[in-house]
C-alpha atoms as a PDB file:
ATOM      1  CA  MET A   1    -113.433  34.263 -44.737  1.00  0.00           C
ATOM      2  CA  ALA A   2    -113.857  31.656 -47.451  1.00  0.00           C
ATOM      3  CA  TYR A   3    -115.638  32.021 -50.763  1.00  0.00           C
ATOM      4  CA  PRO A   4    -119.352  31.289 -50.685  1.00  0.00           C
ATOM      5  CA  THR A   5    -119.958  27.650 -51.621  1.00  0.00           C
ATOM      6  CA  SER A   6    -122.523  25.003 -50.844  1.00  0.00           C
ATOM      7  CA  VAL A   7    -120.311  23.909 -47.893  1.00  0.00           C
ATOM      8  CA  ASN A   8    -120.682  25.652 -44.570  1.00  0.00           C
ATOM      9  CA  ASN A   9    -118.331  28.661 -44.228  1.00  0.00           C
ATOM     10  CA  GLN A  10    -117.028  27.456 -40.885  1.00  0.00           C
ATOM     11  CA  ILE A  11    -115.842  24.179 -42.425  1.00  0.00           C
ATOM     12  CA  THR A  12    -114.019  25.862 -45.273  1.00  0.00           C
ATOM     13  CA  ASP A  13    -112.420  28.327 -42.827  1.00  0.00           C
ATOM     14  CA  ALA A  14    -111.194  25.457 -40.612  1.00  0.00           C
ATOM     15  CA  VAL A  15    -109.689  23.583 -43.578  1.00  0.00           C
ATOM     16  CA  THR A  16    -108.055  26.750 -44.910  1.00  0.00           C
ATOM     17  CA  GLN A  17    -106.584  27.603 -41.516  1.00  0.00           C
ATOM     18  CA  SER A  18    -105.188  24.098 -41.033  1.00  0.00           C
ATOM     19  CA  ASN A  19    -103.578  24.282 -44.497  1.00  0.00           C
ATOM     20  CA  VAL A  20    -102.036  27.652 -43.594  1.00  0.00           C
ATOM     21  CA  LYS A  21    -100.806  26.150 -40.319  1.00  0.00           C
ATOM     22  CA  VAL A  22     -99.100  23.247 -42.142  1.00  0.00           C
ATOM     23  CA  ILE A  23     -97.493  25.567 -44.685  1.00  0.00           C
ATOM     24  CA  ALA A  24     -96.325  27.945 -41.925  1.00  0.00           C
ATOM     25  CA  GLU A  25     -94.727  25.080 -39.975  1.00  0.00           C
ATOM     26  CA  ALA A  26     -92.781  23.703 -42.949  1.00  0.00           C
ATOM     27  CA  PRO A  27     -89.739  26.006 -42.573  1.00  0.00           C
ATOM     28  CA  ALA A  28     -89.531  25.222 -38.866  1.00  0.00           C
ATOM     29  CA  PHE A  29     -89.629  21.480 -39.512  1.00  0.00           C
ATOM     30  CA  GLY A  30     -87.039  21.873 -42.246  1.00  0.00           C
ATOM     31  CA  MET A  31     -84.702  23.793 -39.948  1.00  0.00           C
ATOM     32  CA  ALA A  32     -85.243  21.264 -37.149  1.00  0.00           C
ATOM     33  CA  SER A  33     -84.352  18.427 -39.499  1.00  0.00           C
ATOM     34  CA  MET A  34     -81.237  20.268 -40.631  1.00  0.00           C
ATOM     35  CA  PHE A  35     -80.162  20.959 -37.021  1.00  0.00           C
ATOM     36  CA  GLN A  36     -80.674  17.310 -36.089  1.00  0.00           C
ATOM     37  CA  SER A  37     -78.516  16.223 -39.031  1.00  0.00           C
ATOM     38  CA  LEU A  38     -75.847  18.739 -38.034  1.00  0.00           C
ATOM     39  CA  ALA A  39     -75.864  17.524 -34.415  1.00  0.00           C
ATOM     40  CA  HIS A  40     -75.626  13.904 -35.542  1.00  0.00           C
ATOM     41  CA  SER A  41     -72.737  14.670 -37.910  1.00  0.00           C
ATOM     42  CA  THR A  42     -70.911  16.581 -35.171  1.00  0.00           C
ATOM     43  CA  GLY A  43     -71.341  13.626 -32.820  1.00  0.00           C
ATOM     44  CA  ILE A  44     -69.850  11.267 -35.398  1.00  0.00           C
ATOM     45  CA  LEU A  45     -66.990  13.729 -35.939  1.00  0.00           C
ATOM     46  CA  TYR A  46     -66.125  13.665 -32.227  1.00  0.00           C
ATOM     47  CA  GLU A  47     -66.433   9.874 -32.083  1.00  0.00           C
ATOM     48  CA  ASN A  48     -63.967   9.570 -34.950  1.00  0.00           C
ATOM     49  CA  ALA A  49     -61.601  12.050 -33.300  1.00  0.00           C
ATOM     50  CA  VAL A  50     -61.609  10.038 -30.068  1.00  0.00           C
ATOM     51  CA  ALA A  51     -61.023   6.805 -31.969  1.00  0.00           C
ATOM     52  CA  ALA A  52     -58.088   8.358 -33.836  1.00  0.00           C
ATOM     53  CA  GLN A  53     -56.582   9.617 -30.558  1.00  0.00           C
ATOM     54  CA  GLN A  54     -56.888   6.162 -29.035  1.00  0.00           C
ATOM     55  CA  GLN A  55     -55.135   4.618 -32.033  1.00  0.00           C
ATOM     56  CA  GLN A  56     -52.361   7.235 -31.862  1.00  0.00           C
ATOM     57  CA  ASN A  57     -51.937   6.517 -28.160  1.00  0.00           C
ATOM     58  CA  THR A  58     -51.617   2.797 -28.874  1.00  0.00           C
ATOM     59  CA  LEU A  59     -49.039   3.468 -31.586  1.00  0.00           C
ATOM     60  CA  ALA A  60     -47.068   5.767 -29.296  1.00  0.00           C
ATOM     61  CA  GLN A  61     -46.994   3.135 -26.565  1.00  0.00           C
ATOM     62  CA  ALA A  62     -45.863   0.479 -29.045  1.00  0.00           C
ATOM     63  CA  GLY A  63     -43.109   2.755 -30.361  1.00  0.00           C
ATOM     64  CA  THR A  64     -41.909   3.550 -26.840  1.00  0.00           C
ATOM     65  CA  ASN A  65     -41.931  -0.150 -26.006  1.00  0.00           C
ATOM     66  CA  GLN A  66     -39.833  -0.949 -29.078  1.00  0.00           C
ATOM     67  CA  GLY A  67     -37.332   1.780 -28.187  1.00  0.00           C
ATOM     68  CA  VAL A  68     -36.976   0.524 -24.615  1.00  0.00           C
ATOM     69  CA  MET A  69     -36.536  -3.040 -25.838  1.00  0.00           C
ATOM     70  CA  GLN A  70     -33.760  -1.916 -28.188  1.00  0.00           C
ATOM     71  CA  VAL A  71     -32.011   0.025 -25.423  1.00  0.00           C
ATOM     72  CA  TYR A  72     -32.145  -2.942 -23.042  1.00  0.00           C
ATOM     73  CA  SER A  73     -31.005  -5.414 -25.693  1.00  0.00           C
ATOM     74  CA  LEU A  74     -27.730  -3.556 -26.415  1.00  0.00           C
ATOM     75  CA  ASP A  75     -24.454  -4.639 -24.874  1.00  0.00           C
ATOM     76  CA  THR A  76     -23.379  -1.355 -23.321  1.00  0.00           C
ATOM     77  CA  THR A  77     -19.629  -2.041 -23.384  1.00  0.00           C
ATOM     78  CA  ALA A  78     -19.676  -3.019 -27.043  1.00  0.00           C
ATOM     79  CA  ALA A  79     -21.883  -0.052 -27.886  1.00  0.00           C
ATOM     80  CA  ALA A  80     -19.549   2.342 -26.057  1.00  0.00           C
ATOM     81  CA  GLY A  81     -16.507   0.920 -27.855  1.00  0.00           C
ATOM     82  CA  ALA A  82     -18.217   1.146 -31.224  1.00  0.00           C
ATOM     83  CA  SER A  83     -19.304   4.742 -30.617  1.00  0.00           C
ATOM     84  CA  GLU A  84     -15.785   5.655 -29.536  1.00  0.00           C
ATOM     85  CA  LYS A  85     -14.345   4.183 -32.727  1.00  0.00           C
ATOM     86  CA  VAL A  86     -16.883   5.979 -34.868  1.00  0.00           C
ATOM     87  CA  ALA A  87     -16.468   9.334 -33.103  1.00  0.00           C
ATOM     88  CA  GLN A  88     -12.699   8.906 -32.467  1.00  0.00           C
ATOM     89  CA  THR A  89     -13.074  10.559 -29.080  1.00  0.00           C
ATOM     90  CA  GLY A  90     -11.264   8.052 -26.901  1.00  0.00           C
ATOM     91  CA  VAL A  91      -8.675   9.245 -24.378  1.00  0.00           C
ATOM     92  CA  SER A  92      -6.005   6.888 -25.685  1.00  0.00           C
ATOM     93  CA  ASP A  93      -6.539   8.155 -29.226  1.00  0.00           C
ATOM     94  CA  ASN A  94      -6.155  11.743 -28.043  1.00  0.00           C
ATOM     95  CA  LEU A  95      -2.987  10.952 -26.106  1.00  0.00           C
ATOM     96  CA  SER A  96      -1.346   9.108 -28.981  1.00  0.00           C
ATOM     97  CA  SER A  97      -2.230  11.963 -31.339  1.00  0.00           C
ATOM     98  CA  LEU A  98      -0.699  14.463 -28.913  1.00  0.00           C
ATOM     99  CA  LEU A  99       2.473  12.358 -28.600  1.00  0.00           C
ATOM    100  CA  THR A 100       2.790  12.207 -32.400  1.00  0.00           C
ATOM    101  CA  VAL A 101       2.501  15.997 -32.667  1.00  0.00           C
ATOM    102  CA  LEU A 102       5.072  16.534 -29.891  1.00  0.00           C
ATOM    103  CA  ASN A 103       7.514  14.120 -31.544  1.00  0.00           C
ATOM    104  CA  ALA A 104       7.178  16.051 -34.771  1.00  0.00           C
ATOM    105  CA  PHE A 105       8.457  19.214 -33.052  1.00  0.00           C
ATOM    106  CA  ARG A 106      11.419  17.505 -31.381  1.00  0.00           C
ATOM    107  CA  PRO A 107      14.734  18.464 -32.980  1.00  0.00           C
ATOM    108  CA  PRO A 108      16.475  15.676 -34.785  1.00  0.00           C
ATOM    109  CA  SER A 109      18.918  13.853 -32.542  1.00  0.00           C
ATOM    110  CA  THR A 110      22.570  13.973 -33.451  1.00  0.00           C
ATOM    111  CA  PRO A 111      24.437  10.734 -33.631  1.00  0.00           C
ATOM    112  CA  SER A 112      26.703  10.221 -30.654  1.00  0.00           C
ATOM    113  CA  GLY A 113      30.407  10.572 -31.271  1.00  0.00           C
ATOM    114  CA  LEU A 114      30.216  13.395 -33.750  1.00  0.00           C
END
């Protein structure tokens, strides 16, 4: 009940109750505003994540395309010869190396007629 004044008690009670109602709702409105901001920020976060994934996908496709273009642009015979020279794994190289080692173990030949 309100303090006795020249205004009707029912009017002062109604105004007081509406003020209490507004003050009581303030935390709820504040929390609602905070939750809306959080939901909006989370939505933007997911939008940015999707955009980044799309850009990464585009970059991956471009990189794969470049790799395939390089593979198809190579002359395979020349590339095989160059890799064999670099690695020294050719069959002819192995055979000539083996022949050199075998010749090193051969006893010296004696001149004929002695």
